[in-house]
PDB file of N, CA and C in Angstrom:
ATOM      1  N   UNK A   1      58.771  68.100  -9.825  1.00  0.00           N
ATOM      2  CA  UNK A   1      57.470  67.771  -9.403  1.00  0.00           C
ATOM      3  C   UNK A   1      57.191  66.305  -9.531  1.00  0.00           C
ATOM      4  N   UNK A   2      56.706  65.889  -8.590  1.00  0.00           N
ATOM      5  CA  UNK A   2      56.360  64.475  -8.554  1.00  0.00           C
ATOM      6  C   UNK A   2      54.892  64.314  -8.872  1.00  0.00           C
ATOM      7  N   UNK A   3      54.678  63.250  -9.592  1.00  0.00           N
ATOM      8  CA  UNK A   3      53.275  62.954  -9.895  1.00  0.00           C
ATOM      9  C   UNK A   3      52.697  62.095  -8.789  1.00  0.00           C
ATOM     10  N   UNK A   4      51.841  62.681  -8.085  1.00  0.00           N
ATOM     11  CA  UNK A   4      51.147  61.943  -7.031  1.00  0.00           C
ATOM     12  C   UNK A   4      49.698  61.801  -7.426  1.00  0.00           C
ATOM     13  N   UNK A   5      49.293  60.563  -7.378  1.00  0.00           N
ATOM     14  CA  UNK A   5      47.870  60.321  -7.603  1.00  0.00           C
ATOM     15  C   UNK A   5      47.285  60.015  -6.251  1.00  0.00           C
ATOM     16  N   UNK A   6      46.374  60.791  -5.890  1.00  0.00           N
ATOM     17  CA  UNK A   6      45.788  60.578  -4.577  1.00  0.00           C
ATOM     18  C   UNK A   6      44.817  59.406  -4.622  1.00  0.00           C
ATOM     19  N   UNK A   7      45.001  58.542  -3.691  1.00  0.00           N
ATOM     20  CA  UNK A   7      44.109  57.405  -3.548  1.00  0.00           C
ATOM     21  C   UNK A   7      42.857  57.888  -2.829  1.00  0.00           C
ATOM     22  N   UNK A   8      41.710  57.515  -3.349  1.00  0.00           N
ATOM     23  CA  UNK A   8      40.515  57.955  -2.632  1.00  0.00           C
ATOM     24  C   UNK A   8      40.390  57.197  -1.322  1.00  0.00           C
ATOM     25  N   UNK A   9      40.001  57.878  -0.364  1.00  0.00           N
ATOM     26  CA  UNK A   9      39.788  57.273   0.937  1.00  0.00           C
ATOM     27  C   UNK A   9      38.502  56.455   0.903  1.00  0.00           C
ATOM     28  N   UNK A  10      38.476  55.399   1.708  1.00  0.00           N
ATOM     29  CA  UNK A  10      37.236  54.639   1.737  1.00  0.00           C
ATOM     30  C   UNK A  10      36.089  55.548   2.150  1.00  0.00           C
ATOM     31  N   UNK A  11      34.978  55.227   1.609  1.00  0.00           N
ATOM     32  CA  UNK A  11      33.749  55.981   1.846  1.00  0.00           C
ATOM     33  C   UNK A  11      33.789  57.378   1.242  1.00  0.00           C
ATOM     34  N   UNK A  12      34.815  57.660   0.516  1.00  0.00           N
ATOM     35  CA  UNK A  12      34.867  58.960  -0.124  1.00  0.00           C
ATOM     36  C   UNK A  12      34.426  58.756  -1.577  1.00  0.00           C
ATOM     37  N   UNK A  13      33.555  59.492  -2.028  1.00  0.00           N
ATOM     38  CA  UNK A  13      33.009  59.439  -3.369  1.00  0.00           C
ATOM     39  C   UNK A  13      32.227  58.139  -3.640  1.00  0.00           C
ATOM     40  N   UNK A  14      31.944  57.376  -2.636  1.00  0.00           N
ATOM     41  CA  UNK A  14      31.160  56.155  -2.820  1.00  0.00           C
ATOM     42  C   UNK A  14      29.791  56.415  -2.233  1.00  0.00           C
ATOM     43  N   UNK A  15      28.811  56.265  -3.066  1.00  0.00           N
ATOM     44  CA  UNK A  15      27.456  56.488  -2.598  1.00  0.00           C
ATOM     45  C   UNK A  15      26.884  55.129  -2.231  1.00  0.00           C
ATOM     46  N   UNK A  16      26.500  55.008  -1.015  1.00  0.00           N
ATOM     47  CA  UNK A  16      25.938  53.736  -0.561  1.00  0.00           C
ATOM     48  C   UNK A  16      24.495  53.626  -0.995  1.00  0.00           C
ATOM     49  N   UNK A  17      24.207  52.473  -1.567  1.00  0.00           N
ATOM     50  CA  UNK A  17      22.831  52.194  -1.963  1.00  0.00           C
ATOM     51  C   UNK A  17      22.071  51.713  -0.741  1.00  0.00           C
ATOM     52  N   UNK A  18      20.869  52.187  -0.561  1.00  0.00           N
ATOM     53  CA  UNK A  18      20.107  51.663   0.576  1.00  0.00           C
ATOM     54  C   UNK A  18      19.798  50.184   0.324  1.00  0.00           C
ATOM     55  N   UNK A  19      19.891  49.390   1.371  1.00  0.00           N
ATOM     56  CA  UNK A  19      19.644  47.947   1.251  1.00  0.00           C
ATOM     57  C   UNK A  19      18.177  47.721   0.912  1.00  0.00           C
ATOM     58  N   UNK A  20      18.018  46.799  -0.053  1.00  0.00           N
ATOM     59  CA  UNK A  20      16.648  46.473  -0.420  1.00  0.00           C
ATOM     60  C   UNK A  20      16.066  45.536   0.608  1.00  0.00           C
ATOM     61  N   UNK A  21      14.861  45.790   0.987  1.00  0.00           N
ATOM     62  CA  UNK A  21      14.199  44.911   1.941  1.00  0.00           C
ATOM     63  C   UNK A  21      13.658  43.708   1.195  1.00  0.00           C
ATOM     64  N   UNK A  22      13.843  42.551   1.792  1.00  0.00           N
ATOM     65  CA  UNK A  22      13.307  41.338   1.180  1.00  0.00           C
ATOM     66  C   UNK A  22      11.833  41.213   1.534  1.00  0.00           C
ATOM     67  N   UNK A  23      11.107  40.731   0.580  1.00  0.00           N
ATOM     68  CA  UNK A  23       9.680  40.574   0.767  1.00  0.00           C
ATOM     69  C   UNK A  23       9.402  39.455   1.766  1.00  0.00           C
ATOM     70  N   UNK A  24       8.442  39.639   2.647  1.00  0.00           N
ATOM     71  CA  UNK A  24       8.109  38.560   3.590  1.00  0.00           C
ATOM     72  C   UNK A  24       7.489  37.358   2.880  1.00  0.00           C
ATOM     73  N   UNK A  25       7.000  37.564   1.652  1.00  0.00           N
ATOM     74  CA  UNK A  25       6.397  36.448   0.917  1.00  0.00           C
ATOM     75  C   UNK A  25       7.433  35.377   0.592  1.00  0.00           C
ATOM     76  N   UNK A  26       8.670  35.781   0.385  1.00  0.00           N
ATOM     77  CA  UNK A  26       9.717  34.783   0.139  1.00  0.00           C
ATOM     78  C   UNK A  26       9.880  33.859   1.341  1.00  0.00           C
ATOM     79  N   UNK A  27       9.862  34.434   2.533  1.00  0.00           N
ATOM     80  CA  UNK A  27       9.989  33.630   3.747  1.00  0.00           C
ATOM     81  C   UNK A  27       8.759  32.743   3.943  1.00  0.00           C
ATOM     82  N   UNK A  28       7.589  33.273   3.644  1.00  0.00           N
ATOM     83  CA  UNK A  28       6.350  32.500   3.802  1.00  0.00           C
ATOM     84  C   UNK A  28       6.334  31.329   2.831  1.00  0.00           C
ATOM     85  N   UNK A  29       6.657  31.596   1.566  1.00  0.00           N
ATOM     86  CA  UNK A  29       6.666  30.523   0.562  1.00  0.00           C
ATOM     87  C   UNK A  29       7.748  29.495   0.895  1.00  0.00           C
ATOM     88  N   UNK A  30       8.903  29.976   1.304  1.00  0.00           N
ATOM     89  CA  UNK A  30       9.983  29.056   1.686  1.00  0.00           C
ATOM     90  C   UNK A  30       9.589  28.173   2.866  1.00  0.00           C
ATOM     91  N   UNK A  31       8.918  28.753   3.838  1.00  0.00           N
ATOM     92  CA  UNK A  31       8.466  27.979   4.998  1.00  0.00           C
ATOM     93  C   UNK A  31       7.426  26.946   4.612  1.00  0.00           C
ATOM     94  N   UNK A  32       6.493  27.333   3.745  1.00  0.00           N
ATOM     95  CA  UNK A  32       5.458  26.389   3.296  1.00  0.00           C
ATOM     96  C   UNK A  32       6.070  25.246   2.506  1.00  0.00           C
ATOM     97  N   UNK A  33       7.024  25.559   1.640  1.00  0.00           N
ATOM     98  CA  UNK A  33       7.693  24.502   0.878  1.00  0.00           C
ATOM     99  C   UNK A  33       8.474  23.567   1.803  1.00  0.00           C
ATOM    100  N   UNK A  34       9.087  24.148   2.817  1.00  0.00           N
ATOM    101  CA  UNK A  34       9.814  23.321   3.789  1.00  0.00           C
ATOM    102  C   UNK A  34       8.889  22.370   4.534  1.00  0.00           C
ATOM    103  N   UNK A  35       7.732  22.871   4.939  1.00  0.00           N
ATOM    104  CA  UNK A  35       6.756  22.033   5.636  1.00  0.00           C
ATOM    105  C   UNK A  35       6.240  20.941   4.705  1.00  0.00           C
ATOM    106  N   UNK A  36       5.949  21.304   3.455  1.00  0.00           N
ATOM    107  CA  UNK A  36       5.480  20.303   2.478  1.00  0.00           C
ATOM    108  C   UNK A  36       6.535  19.236   2.256  1.00  0.00           C
ATOM    109  N   UNK A  37       7.786  19.626   2.187  1.00  0.00           N
ATOM    110  CA  UNK A  37       8.877  18.660   2.005  1.00  0.00           C
ATOM    111  C   UNK A  37       8.973  17.708   3.197  1.00  0.00           C
ATOM    112  N   UNK A  38       8.844  18.238   4.393  1.00  0.00           N
ATOM    113  CA  UNK A  38       8.884  17.388   5.590  1.00  0.00           C
ATOM    114  C   UNK A  38       7.703  16.414   5.614  1.00  0.00           C
ATOM    115  N   UNK A  39       6.519  16.886   5.234  1.00  0.00           N
ATOM    116  CA  UNK A  39       5.346  16.009   5.195  1.00  0.00           C
ATOM    117  C   UNK A  39       5.548  14.917   4.152  1.00  0.00           C
ATOM    118  N   UNK A  40       6.064  15.268   2.991  1.00  0.00           N
ATOM    119  CA  UNK A  40       6.311  14.285   1.935  1.00  0.00           C
ATOM    120  C   UNK A  40       7.306  13.226   2.401  1.00  0.00           C
ATOM    121  N   UNK A  41       8.388  13.635   3.014  1.00  0.00           N
ATOM    122  CA  UNK A  41       9.398  12.688   3.503  1.00  0.00           C
ATOM    123  C   UNK A  41       8.785  11.774   4.560  1.00  0.00           C
ATOM    124  N   UNK A  42       7.969  12.339   5.449  1.00  0.00           N
ATOM    125  CA  UNK A  42       7.308  11.543   6.488  1.00  0.00           C
ATOM    126  C   UNK A  42       6.372  10.511   5.870  1.00  0.00           C
ATOM    127  N   UNK A  43       5.599  10.919   4.861  1.00  0.00           N
ATOM    128  CA  UNK A  43       4.679   9.978   4.208  1.00  0.00           C
ATOM    129  C   UNK A  43       5.430   8.860   3.492  1.00  0.00           C
ATOM    130  N   UNK A  44       6.542   9.190   2.863  1.00  0.00           N
ATOM    131  CA  UNK A  44       7.341   8.164   2.188  1.00  0.00           C
ATOM    132  C   UNK A  44       7.870   7.157   3.208  1.00  0.00           C
ATOM    133  N   UNK A  45       8.374   7.637   4.310  1.00  0.00           N
ATOM    134  CA  UNK A  45       8.910   6.741   5.346  1.00  0.00           C
ATOM    135  C   UNK A  45       7.798   5.874   5.926  1.00  0.00           C
ATOM    136  N   UNK A  46       6.641   6.472   6.228  1.00  0.00           N
ATOM    137  CA  UNK A  46       5.528   5.688   6.774  1.00  0.00           C
ATOM    138  C   UNK A  46       5.029   4.654   5.764  1.00  0.00           C
ATOM    139  N   UNK A  47       4.969   5.017   4.492  1.00  0.00           N
ATOM    140  CA  UNK A  47       4.558   4.070   3.455  1.00  0.00           C
ATOM    141  C   UNK A  47       5.521   2.912   3.332  1.00  0.00           C
ATOM    142  N   UNK A  48       6.803   3.199   3.398  1.00  0.00           N
ATOM    143  CA  UNK A  48       7.817   2.143   3.327  1.00  0.00           C
ATOM    144  C   UNK A  48       7.692   1.203   4.529  1.00  0.00           C
ATOM    145  N   UNK A  49       7.496   1.768   5.715  1.00  0.00           N
ATOM    146  CA  UNK A  49       7.361   0.943   6.916  1.00  0.00           C
ATOM    147  C   UNK A  49       6.099   0.079   6.838  1.00  0.00           C
ATOM    148  N   UNK A  50       4.998   0.646   6.359  1.00  0.00           N
ATOM    149  CA  UNK A  50       3.744  -0.110   6.239  1.00  0.00           C
ATOM    150  C   UNK A  50       3.900  -1.237   5.225  1.00  0.00           C
ATOM    151  N   UNK A  51       4.546  -0.971   4.105  1.00  0.00           N
ATOM    152  CA  UNK A  51       4.744  -2.008   3.085  1.00  0.00           C
ATOM    153  C   UNK A  51       5.596  -3.144   3.635  1.00  0.00           C
ATOM    154  N   UNK A  52       6.608  -2.810   4.405  1.00  0.00           N
ATOM    155  CA  UNK A  52       7.469  -3.842   5.006  1.00  0.00           C
ATOM    156  C   UNK A  52       6.689  -4.685   6.008  1.00  0.00           C
ATOM    157  N   UNK A  53       5.853  -4.040   6.824  1.00  0.00           N
ATOM    158  CA  UNK A  53       5.054  -4.775   7.808  1.00  0.00           C
ATOM    159  C   UNK A  53       4.047  -5.683   7.115  1.00  0.00           C
ATOM    160  N   UNK A  54       3.394  -5.183   6.073  1.00  0.00           N
ATOM    161  CA  UNK A  54       2.427  -6.008   5.336  1.00  0.00           C
ATOM    162  C   UNK A  54       3.117  -7.208   4.713  1.00  0.00           C
ATOM    163  N   UNK A  55       4.301  -7.000   4.162  1.00  0.00           N
ATOM    164  CA  UNK A  55       5.042  -8.102   3.547  1.00  0.00           C
ATOM    165  C   UNK A  55       5.380  -9.165   4.598  1.00  0.00           C
ATOM    166  N   UNK A  56       5.790  -8.727   5.778  1.00  0.00           N
ATOM    167  CA  UNK A  56       6.104  -9.682   6.852  1.00  0.00           C
ATOM    168  C   UNK A  56       4.858 -10.450   7.285  1.00  0.00           C
ATOM    169  N   UNK A  57       3.718  -9.766   7.378  1.00  0.00           N
ATOM    170  CA  UNK A  57       2.474 -10.429   7.773  1.00  0.00           C
ATOM    171  C   UNK A  57       2.061 -11.457   6.719  1.00  0.00           C
ATOM    172  N   UNK A  58       2.207 -11.104   5.459  1.00  0.00           N
ATOM    173  CA  UNK A  58       1.851 -12.043   4.387  1.00  0.00           C
ATOM    174  C   UNK A  58       2.739 -13.279   4.469  1.00  0.00           C
ATOM    175  N   UNK A  59       4.021 -13.075   4.675  1.00  0.00           N
ATOM    176  CA  UNK A  59       4.934 -14.217   4.786  1.00  0.00           C
ATOM    177  C   UNK A  59       4.620 -15.070   6.005  1.00  0.00           C
ATOM    178  N   UNK A  60       4.173 -14.437   7.078  1.00  0.00           N
ATOM    179  CA  UNK A  60       3.845 -15.168   8.297  1.00  0.00           C
ATOM    180  C   UNK A  60       2.606 -16.044   8.104  1.00  0.00           C
ATOM    181  N   UNK A  61       1.616 -15.532   7.377  1.00  0.00           N
ATOM    182  CA  UNK A  61       0.369 -16.262   7.205  1.00  0.00           C
ATOM    183  C   UNK A  61       0.335 -17.119   5.944  1.00  0.00           C
ATOM    184  N   UNK A  62       1.384 -17.098   5.166  1.00  0.00           N
ATOM    185  CA  UNK A  62       1.415 -17.866   3.921  1.00  0.00           C
ATOM    186  C   UNK A  62       1.218 -19.365   4.154  1.00  0.00           C
ATOM    187  N   UNK A  63       1.888 -19.993   5.143  1.00  0.00           N
ATOM    188  CA  UNK A  63       1.639 -21.427   5.371  1.00  0.00           C
ATOM    189  C   UNK A  63       0.180 -21.701   5.761  1.00  0.00           C
ATOM    190  N   UNK A  64      -0.420 -20.811   6.516  1.00  0.00           N
ATOM    191  CA  UNK A  64      -1.808 -20.995   6.913  1.00  0.00           C
ATOM    192  C   UNK A  64      -2.724 -20.904   5.702  1.00  0.00           C
ATOM    193  N   UNK A  65      -2.399 -20.050   4.774  1.00  0.00           N
ATOM    194  CA  UNK A  65      -3.198 -19.925   3.555  1.00  0.00           C
ATOM    195  C   UNK A  65      -3.101 -21.207   2.745  1.00  0.00           C
ATOM    196  N   UNK A  66      -1.891 -21.768   2.664  1.00  0.00           N
ATOM    197  CA  UNK A  66      -1.713 -23.028   1.933  1.00  0.00           C
ATOM    198  C   UNK A  66      -2.522 -24.147   2.583  1.00  0.00           C
ATOM    199  N   UNK A  67      -2.510 -24.195   3.914  1.00  0.00           N
ATOM    200  CA  UNK A  67      -3.292 -25.210   4.617  1.00  0.00           C
ATOM    201  C   UNK A  67      -4.786 -25.006   4.352  1.00  0.00           C
ATOM    202  N   UNK A  68      -5.219 -23.772   4.329  1.00  0.00           N
ATOM    203  CA  UNK A  68      -6.625 -23.472   4.062  1.00  0.00           C
ATOM    204  C   UNK A  68      -7.010 -23.934   2.655  1.00  0.00           C
ATOM    205  N   UNK A  69      -6.135 -23.692   1.674  1.00  0.00           N
ATOM    206  CA  UNK A  69      -6.409 -24.131   0.305  1.00  0.00           C
ATOM    207  C   UNK A  69      -6.538 -25.645   0.238  1.00  0.00           C
ATOM    208  N   UNK A  70      -5.649 -26.348   0.928  1.00  0.00           N
ATOM    209  CA  UNK A  70      -5.721 -27.806   0.962  1.00  0.00           C
ATOM    210  C   UNK A  70      -7.037 -28.273   1.596  1.00  0.00           C
ATOM    211  N   UNK A  71      -7.439 -27.608   2.672  1.00  0.00           N
ATOM    212  CA  UNK A  71      -8.696 -27.967   3.341  1.00  0.00           C
ATOM    213  C   UNK A  71      -9.882 -27.744   2.418  1.00  0.00           C
ATOM    214  N   UNK A  72      -9.871 -26.651   1.671  1.00  0.00           N
ATOM    215  CA  UNK A  72     -10.961 -26.373   0.742  1.00  0.00           C
ATOM    216  C   UNK A  72     -11.017 -27.440  -0.339  1.00  0.00           C
ATOM    217  N   UNK A  73      -9.846 -27.849  -0.828  1.00  0.00           N
ATOM    218  CA  UNK A  73      -9.817 -28.911  -1.847  1.00  0.00           C
ATOM    219  C   UNK A  73     -10.375 -30.219  -1.288  1.00  0.00           C
ATOM    220  N   UNK A  74     -10.018 -30.546  -0.047  1.00  0.00           N
ATOM    221  CA  UNK A  74     -10.525 -31.772   0.584  1.00  0.00           C
ATOM    222  C   UNK A  74     -12.047 -31.702   0.729  1.00  0.00           C
ATOM    223  N   UNK A  75     -12.537 -30.533   1.171  1.00  0.00           N
ATOM    224  CA  UNK A  75     -13.985 -30.371   1.331  1.00  0.00           C
ATOM    225  C   UNK A  75     -14.666 -30.512  -0.026  1.00  0.00           C
ATOM    226  N   UNK A  76     -14.055 -29.961  -1.069  1.00  0.00           N
ATOM    227  CA  UNK A  76     -14.611 -30.101  -2.409  1.00  0.00           C
ATOM    228  C   UNK A  76     -14.694 -31.556  -2.838  1.00  0.00           C
ATOM    229  N   UNK A  77     -13.643 -32.326  -2.546  1.00  0.00           N
ATOM    230  CA  UNK A  77     -13.642 -33.749  -2.887  1.00  0.00           C
ATOM    231  C   UNK A  77     -14.708 -34.504  -2.095  1.00  0.00           C
ATOM    232  N   UNK A  78     -14.823 -34.184  -0.805  1.00  0.00           N
ATOM    233  CA  UNK A  78     -15.826 -34.839   0.032  1.00  0.00           C
ATOM    234  C   UNK A  78     -17.230 -34.492  -0.472  1.00  0.00           C
ATOM    235  N   UNK A  79     -17.428 -33.250  -0.878  1.00  0.00           N
ATOM    236  CA  UNK A  79     -18.739 -32.832  -1.387  1.00  0.00           C
ATOM    237  C   UNK A  79     -19.079 -33.604  -2.666  1.00  0.00           C
ATOM    238  N   UNK A  80     -18.101 -33.764  -3.539  1.00  0.00           N
ATOM    239  CA  UNK A  80     -18.342 -34.523  -4.767  1.00  0.00           C
ATOM    240  C   UNK A  80     -18.723 -35.972  -4.442  1.00  0.00           C
ATOM    241  N   UNK A  81     -18.014 -36.560  -3.472  1.00  0.00           N
ATOM    242  CA  UNK A  81     -18.328 -37.939  -3.068  1.00  0.00           C
ATOM    243  C   UNK A  81     -19.728 -38.005  -2.462  1.00  0.00           C
ATOM    244  N   UNK A  82     -20.073 -37.022  -1.638  1.00  0.00           N
ATOM    245  CA  UNK A  82     -21.394 -37.007  -1.008  1.00  0.00           C
ATOM    246  C   UNK A  82     -22.484 -36.859  -2.059  1.00  0.00           C
ATOM    247  N   UNK A  83     -22.272 -36.037  -3.057  1.00  0.00           N
ATOM    248  CA  UNK A  83     -23.259 -35.878  -4.118  1.00  0.00           C
ATOM    249  C   UNK A  83     -23.426 -37.181  -4.907  1.00  0.00           C
ATOM    250  N   UNK A  84     -22.300 -37.856  -5.178  1.00  0.00           N
ATOM    251  CA  UNK A  84     -22.377 -39.132  -5.903  1.00  0.00           C
ATOM    252  C   UNK A  84     -23.142 -40.166  -5.084  1.00  0.00           C
ATOM    253  N   UNK A  85     -22.867 -40.208  -3.772  1.00  0.00           N
ATOM    254  CA  UNK A  85     -23.567 -41.158  -2.905  1.00  0.00           C
ATOM    255  C   UNK A  85     -25.053 -40.815  -2.819  1.00  0.00           C
ATOM    256  N   UNK A  86     -25.372 -39.532  -2.769  1.00  0.00           N
ATOM    257  CA  UNK A  86     -26.767 -39.107  -2.707  1.00  0.00           C
ATOM    258  C   UNK A  86     -27.502 -39.503  -3.983  1.00  0.00           C
ATOM    259  N   UNK A  87     -26.868 -39.303  -5.107  1.00  0.00           N
ATOM    260  CA  UNK A  87     -27.472 -39.682  -6.377  1.00  0.00           C
ATOM    261  C   UNK A  87     -27.686 -41.194  -6.444  1.00  0.00           C
ATOM    262  N   UNK A  88     -26.694 -41.949  -5.972  1.00  0.00           N
ATOM    263  CA  UNK A  88     -26.816 -43.409  -5.952  1.00  0.00           C
ATOM    264  C   UNK A  88     -27.964 -43.829  -5.032  1.00  0.00           C
ATOM    265  N   UNK A  89     -28.078 -43.190  -3.872  1.00  0.00           N
ATOM    266  CA  UNK A  89     -29.142 -43.506  -2.930  1.00  0.00           C
ATOM    267  C   UNK A  89     -30.512 -43.216  -3.557  1.00  0.00           C
ATOM    268  N   UNK A  90     -30.630 -42.055  -4.227  1.00  0.00           N
ATOM    269  CA  UNK A  90     -31.897 -41.720  -4.869  1.00  0.00           C
ATOM    270  C   UNK A  90     -32.250 -42.735  -5.957  1.00  0.00           C
ATOM    271  N   UNK A  91     -31.263 -43.166  -6.719  1.00  0.00           N
ATOM    272  CA  UNK A  91     -31.507 -44.177  -7.756  1.00  0.00           C
ATOM    273  C   UNK A  91     -31.973 -45.487  -7.128  1.00  0.00           C
ATOM    274  N   UNK A  92     -31.297 -45.920  -6.064  1.00  0.00           N
ATOM    275  CA  UNK A  92     -31.677 -47.164  -5.383  1.00  0.00           C
ATOM    276  C   UNK A  92     -33.077 -47.046  -4.781  1.00  0.00           C
ATOM    277  N   UNK A  93     -33.378 -45.882  -4.214  1.00  0.00           N
ATOM    278  CA  UNK A  93     -34.690 -45.680  -3.609  1.00  0.00           C
ATOM    279  C   UNK A  93     -35.794 -45.735  -4.668  1.00  0.00           C
ATOM    280  N   UNK A  94     -35.560 -45.107  -5.801  1.00  0.00           N
ATOM    281  CA  UNK A  94     -36.573 -45.132  -6.849  1.00  0.00           C
ATOM    282  C   UNK A  94     -36.736 -46.551  -7.406  1.00  0.00           C
ATOM    283  N   UNK A  95     -35.650 -47.321  -7.496  1.00  0.00           N
ATOM    284  CA  UNK A  95     -35.742 -48.714  -7.943  1.00  0.00           C
ATOM    285  C   UNK A  95     -36.517 -49.554  -6.927  1.00  0.00           C
ATOM    286  N   UNK A  96     -36.293 -49.306  -5.645  1.00  0.00           N
ATOM    287  CA  UNK A  96     -36.998 -50.026  -4.592  1.00  0.00           C
ATOM    288  C   UNK A  96     -38.490 -49.714  -4.658  1.00  0.00           C
ATOM    289  N   UNK A  97     -38.836 -48.456  -4.856  1.00  0.00           N
ATOM    290  CA  UNK A  97     -40.251 -48.084  -4.951  1.00  0.00           C
ATOM    291  C   UNK A  97     -40.897 -48.750  -6.179  1.00  0.00           C
ATOM    292  N   UNK A  98     -40.180 -48.811  -7.287  1.00  0.00           N
ATOM    293  CA  UNK A  98     -40.714 -49.470  -8.487  1.00  0.00           C
ATOM    294  C   UNK A  98     -40.926 -50.950  -8.239  1.00  0.00           C
ATOM    295  N   UNK A  99     -39.977 -51.568  -7.544  1.00  0.00           N
ATOM    296  CA  UNK A  99     -40.098 -53.008  -7.295  1.00  0.00           C
ATOM    297  C   UNK A  99     -41.245 -53.301  -6.323  1.00  0.00           C
ATOM    298  N   UNK A 100     -41.504 -52.402  -5.369  1.00  0.00           N
ATOM    299  CA  UNK A 100     -42.615 -52.627  -4.441  1.00  0.00           C
ATOM    300  C   UNK A 100     -43.962 -52.458  -5.128  1.00  0.00           C
ATOM    301  N   UNK A 101     -44.045 -51.582  -6.087  1.00  0.00           N
ATOM    302  CA  UNK A 101     -45.317 -51.391  -6.790  1.00  0.00           C
ATOM    303  C   UNK A 101     -45.595 -52.561  -7.732  1.00  0.00           C
ATOM    304  N   UNK A 102     -44.573 -53.256  -8.131  1.00  0.00           N
ATOM    305  CA  UNK A 102     -44.763 -54.381  -9.062  1.00  0.00           C
ATOM    306  C   UNK A 102     -45.144 -55.671  -8.332  1.00  0.00           C
ATOM    307  N   UNK A 103     -44.902 -55.750  -7.040  1.00  0.00           N
ATOM    308  CA  UNK A 103     -45.228 -56.945  -6.281  1.00  0.00           C
ATOM    309  C   UNK A 103     -46.750 -56.995  -6.044  1.00  0.00           C
ATOM    310  N   UNK A 104     -47.438 -58.081  -6.424  1.00  0.00           N
ATOM    311  CA  UNK A 104     -48.869 -58.157  -6.191  1.00  0.00           C
ATOM    312  C   UNK A 104     -49.135 -58.444  -4.723  1.00  0.00           C
ATOM    313  N   UNK A 105     -50.152 -57.863  -4.227  1.00  0.00           N
ATOM    314  CA  UNK A 105     -50.487 -58.062  -2.815  1.00  0.00           C
ATOM    315  C   UNK A 105     -51.719 -58.864  -2.663  1.00  0.00           C
TER     316      UNK A 105
END
């Protein structure tokens, strides 16, 4: 007698488990997270582009800002000179008025 062990045939004695259905909430949450990720990436790219453009604009107008500062300093100096001249004129005018009142008529 030979010892034969019978090999079970496929699908024999194997009970198939019914496939579990996946919840639609997983797909909904996954889709929402995907959309949020795309929006975040878009905002980062737009922010980077805006920062680069602003930096270029600042560099472009930097010489004009320096010229404006120089002009303001010149105007400040001219204003100081004008105030000094005005004060001198007022002093001279008051001296002239005093001298005219002292002259007998």
